Amino acid sequence: MALAYLPMQNGNLLSAWSLLEHVVTPVLVVLDYVLVGRRRTVAPWWHPLTWTFAPLVYLAWYVSADLAVYDALDPARPLLMTGQVLVLGAVLVGCGYALVAVGRRPARRTVAA
């Protein structure tokens, strides 16, 4: 959830690992999907919903291990945490459907002169 990192962590991109993890890698993944990906037109409607599995597993680990890395995801404040998780999930699924829509666009054909 690269889109959520900057507002949730106050934009800490000073470390090389943080920049790589939260900016470079997500941008490369999206570019690969949009520009290079194959057979995007056959992605089923439910495919973006499956993209929530990894963050949900991470969330379960985050809570069970009491990581307390993100202030907005504090299990001691369940209402705030629930709201944040719902917003993050909606952003993830919304971005997923936007990527699928971009992938379904027909390729532009150039006419040889």
C-alpha atoms as a PDB file:
ATOM      1  CA  MET A   1       0.000   0.000   0.000  1.00  0.00           C
ATOM      2  CA  ALA A   2       2.457   2.567  -1.209  1.00  0.00           C
ATOM      3  CA  LEU A   3      -0.322   5.181  -1.456  1.00  0.00           C
ATOM      4  CA  ALA A   4      -0.928   4.933   2.270  1.00  0.00           C
ATOM      5  CA  TYR A   5       2.669   5.071   3.440  1.00  0.00           C
ATOM      6  CA  LEU A   6       3.301   8.787   3.033  1.00  0.00           C
ATOM      7  CA  PRO A   7       0.302  10.065   5.000  1.00  0.00           C
ATOM      8  CA  MET A   8       0.531   7.310   7.629  1.00  0.00           C
ATOM      9  CA  GLN A   9       4.268   7.649   8.285  1.00  0.00           C
ATOM     10  CA  ASN A  10       4.535  11.395   7.754  1.00  0.00           C
ATOM     11  CA  GLY A  11       6.413  10.918   4.494  1.00  0.00           C
ATOM     12  CA  ASN A  12       9.640   9.401   5.802  1.00  0.00           C
ATOM     13  CA  LEU A  13      11.539   8.618   2.601  1.00  0.00           C
ATOM     14  CA  LEU A  14      14.955   9.661   3.874  1.00  0.00           C
ATOM     15  CA  SER A  15      16.363   6.133   4.021  1.00  0.00           C
ATOM     16  CA  ALA A  16      17.270   4.307   0.828  1.00  0.00           C
ATOM     17  CA  TRP A  17      15.372   1.182   1.943  1.00  0.00           C
ATOM     18  CA  SER A  18      12.230   3.226   2.562  1.00  0.00           C
ATOM     19  CA  LEU A  19      12.432   4.915  -0.823  1.00  0.00           C
ATOM     20  CA  LEU A  20      12.976   1.570  -2.550  1.00  0.00           C
ATOM     21  CA  GLU A  21      10.190  -0.193  -0.643  1.00  0.00           C
ATOM     22  CA  HIS A  22       7.557   2.526  -0.717  1.00  0.00           C
ATOM     23  CA  VAL A  23       8.145   4.342  -4.018  1.00  0.00           C
ATOM     24  CA  VAL A  24      10.441   2.598  -6.505  1.00  0.00           C
ATOM     25  CA  THR A  25       9.079  -0.943  -6.194  1.00  0.00           C
ATOM     26  CA  PRO A  26       5.365  -0.002  -6.389  1.00  0.00           C
ATOM     27  CA  VAL A  27       5.980   2.287  -9.364  1.00  0.00           C
ATOM     28  CA  LEU A  28       7.891  -0.457 -11.193  1.00  0.00           C
ATOM     29  CA  VAL A  29       5.137  -3.001 -10.492  1.00  0.00           C
ATOM     30  CA  VAL A  30       2.427  -0.692 -11.850  1.00  0.00           C
ATOM     31  CA  LEU A  31       4.521   0.182 -14.912  1.00  0.00           C
ATOM     32  CA  ASP A  32       5.158  -3.500 -15.556  1.00  0.00           C
ATOM     33  CA  TYR A  33       1.450  -4.282 -15.306  1.00  0.00           C
ATOM     34  CA  VAL A  34       0.357  -1.412 -17.538  1.00  0.00           C
ATOM     35  CA  LEU A  35       3.132  -1.409 -20.130  1.00  0.00           C
ATOM     36  CA  VAL A  36       4.477  -4.952 -20.277  1.00  0.00           C
ATOM     37  CA  GLY A  37       1.878  -7.273 -18.721  1.00  0.00           C
ATOM     38  CA  ARG A  38       0.363 -10.027 -20.802  1.00  0.00           C
ATOM     39  CA  ARG A  39      -3.245 -11.185 -21.051  1.00  0.00           C
ATOM     40  CA  ARG A  40      -4.590  -8.388 -18.841  1.00  0.00           C
ATOM     41  CA  THR A  41      -7.808  -8.365 -20.850  1.00  0.00           C
ATOM     42  CA  VAL A  42      -8.873 -11.700 -19.404  1.00  0.00           C
ATOM     43  CA  ALA A  43      -8.582 -10.709 -15.735  1.00  0.00           C
ATOM     44  CA  PRO A  44     -11.842 -11.757 -14.053  1.00  0.00           C
ATOM     45  CA  TRP A  45     -13.900  -9.159 -12.192  1.00  0.00           C
ATOM     46  CA  TRP A  46     -12.995 -10.620  -8.805  1.00  0.00           C
ATOM     47  CA  HIS A  47      -9.223 -10.587  -9.385  1.00  0.00           C
ATOM     48  CA  PRO A  48      -8.548  -7.242  -7.613  1.00  0.00           C
ATOM     49  CA  LEU A  49     -10.347  -8.587  -4.536  1.00  0.00           C
ATOM     50  CA  THR A  50      -7.677 -11.284  -4.205  1.00  0.00           C
ATOM     51  CA  TRP A  51      -5.058  -8.549  -3.851  1.00  0.00           C
ATOM     52  CA  THR A  52      -6.364  -7.959  -0.325  1.00  0.00           C
ATOM     53  CA  PHE A  53      -5.164 -11.371   0.908  1.00  0.00           C
ATOM     54  CA  ALA A  54      -1.505 -10.384   1.422  1.00  0.00           C
ATOM     55  CA  PRO A  55      -2.327  -7.150   3.302  1.00  0.00           C
ATOM     56  CA  LEU A  56      -4.854  -9.037   5.464  1.00  0.00           C
ATOM     57  CA  VAL A  57      -2.229 -11.645   6.361  1.00  0.00           C
ATOM     58  CA  TYR A  58       0.213  -8.838   7.164  1.00  0.00           C
ATOM     59  CA  LEU A  59      -2.451  -7.135   9.276  1.00  0.00           C
ATOM     60  CA  ALA A  60      -3.059 -10.336  11.243  1.00  0.00           C
ATOM     61  CA  TRP A  61       0.681 -10.661  11.875  1.00  0.00           C
ATOM     62  CA  TYR A  62       0.942  -6.944  12.712  1.00  0.00           C
ATOM     63  CA  VAL A  63      -1.755  -7.238  15.377  1.00  0.00           C
ATOM     64  CA  SER A  64      -0.684 -10.615  16.783  1.00  0.00           C
ATOM     65  CA  ALA A  65       2.996  -9.611  17.025  1.00  0.00           C
ATOM     66  CA  ASP A  66       2.072  -6.181  18.461  1.00  0.00           C
ATOM     67  CA  LEU A  67       4.373  -4.431  15.994  1.00  0.00           C
ATOM     68  CA  ALA A  68       2.989  -0.911  16.589  1.00  0.00           C
ATOM     69  CA  VAL A  69       4.829   0.561  13.594  1.00  0.00           C
ATOM     70  CA  TYR A  70       1.992   2.734  12.301  1.00  0.00           C
ATOM     71  CA  ASP A  71       0.255   5.177  14.646  1.00  0.00           C
ATOM     72  CA  ALA A  72      -2.962   4.923  12.636  1.00  0.00           C
ATOM     73  CA  LEU A  73      -3.033   1.132  13.062  1.00  0.00           C
ATOM     74  CA  ASP A  74      -3.055   0.961  16.841  1.00  0.00           C
ATOM     75  CA  PRO A  75      -5.035  -2.048  18.142  1.00  0.00           C
ATOM     76  CA  ALA A  76      -5.513  -0.163  21.420  1.00  0.00           C
ATOM     77  CA  ARG A  77      -7.755   2.268  19.472  1.00  0.00           C
ATOM     78  CA  PRO A  78     -10.053  -0.174  17.649  1.00  0.00           C
ATOM     79  CA  LEU A  79     -12.407   2.393  16.090  1.00  0.00           C
ATOM     80  CA  LEU A  80      -9.560   4.350  14.519  1.00  0.00           C
ATOM     81  CA  MET A  81      -7.832   1.175  13.382  1.00  0.00           C
ATOM     82  CA  THR A  82     -11.016  -0.271  11.868  1.00  0.00           C
ATOM     83  CA  GLY A  83     -11.641   2.953   9.967  1.00  0.00           C
ATOM     84  CA  GLN A  84      -8.084   3.031   8.677  1.00  0.00           C
ATOM     85  CA  VAL A  85      -8.208  -0.617   7.594  1.00  0.00           C
ATOM     86  CA  LEU A  86     -11.478  -0.012   5.736  1.00  0.00           C
ATOM     87  CA  VAL A  87     -10.056   3.050   3.973  1.00  0.00           C
ATOM     88  CA  LEU A  88      -6.852   1.206   3.054  1.00  0.00           C
ATOM     89  CA  GLY A  89      -8.864  -1.751   1.754  1.00  0.00           C
ATOM     90  CA  ALA A  90     -11.083   0.528  -0.323  1.00  0.00           C
ATOM     91  CA  VAL A  91      -8.048   2.294  -1.802  1.00  0.00           C
ATOM     92  CA  LEU A  92      -6.405  -1.048  -2.607  1.00  0.00           C
ATOM     93  CA  VAL A  93      -9.489  -2.502  -4.288  1.00  0.00           C
ATOM     94  CA  GLY A  94     -10.231   0.767  -6.082  1.00  0.00           C
ATOM     95  CA  CYS A  95      -6.695   0.949  -7.457  1.00  0.00           C
ATOM     96  CA  GLY A  96      -6.950  -2.714  -8.443  1.00  0.00           C
ATOM     97  CA  TYR A  97     -10.087  -2.117 -10.467  1.00  0.00           C
ATOM     98  CA  ALA A  98      -8.506   0.981 -12.048  1.00  0.00           C
ATOM     99  CA  LEU A  99      -5.510  -1.115 -13.131  1.00  0.00           C
ATOM    100  CA  VAL A 100      -7.787  -3.812 -14.561  1.00  0.00           C
ATOM    101  CA  ALA A 101      -9.706  -1.132 -16.471  1.00  0.00           C
ATOM    102  CA  VAL A 102      -6.455   0.267 -17.869  1.00  0.00           C
ATOM    103  CA  GLY A 103      -5.384  -3.234 -18.848  1.00  0.00           C
ATOM    104  CA  ARG A 104      -8.612  -3.856 -20.726  1.00  0.00           C
ATOM    105  CA  ARG A 105      -8.168  -0.868 -22.994  1.00  0.00           C
ATOM    106  CA  PRO A 106      -7.513  -1.971 -26.542  1.00  0.00           C
ATOM    107  CA  ALA A 107      -3.986  -1.448 -27.736  1.00  0.00           C
ATOM    108  CA  ARG A 108      -3.466   1.453 -30.055  1.00  0.00           C
ATOM    109  CA  ARG A 109      -2.645   0.392 -33.547  1.00  0.00           C
ATOM    110  CA  THR A 110      -0.351   2.547 -35.543  1.00  0.00           C
ATOM    111  CA  VAL A 111      -0.906   2.868 -39.240  1.00  0.00           C
ATOM    112  CA  ALA A 112       2.164   2.475 -41.366  1.00  0.00           C
ATOM    113  CA  ALA A 113       2.651   5.365 -43.759  1.00  0.00           C
END
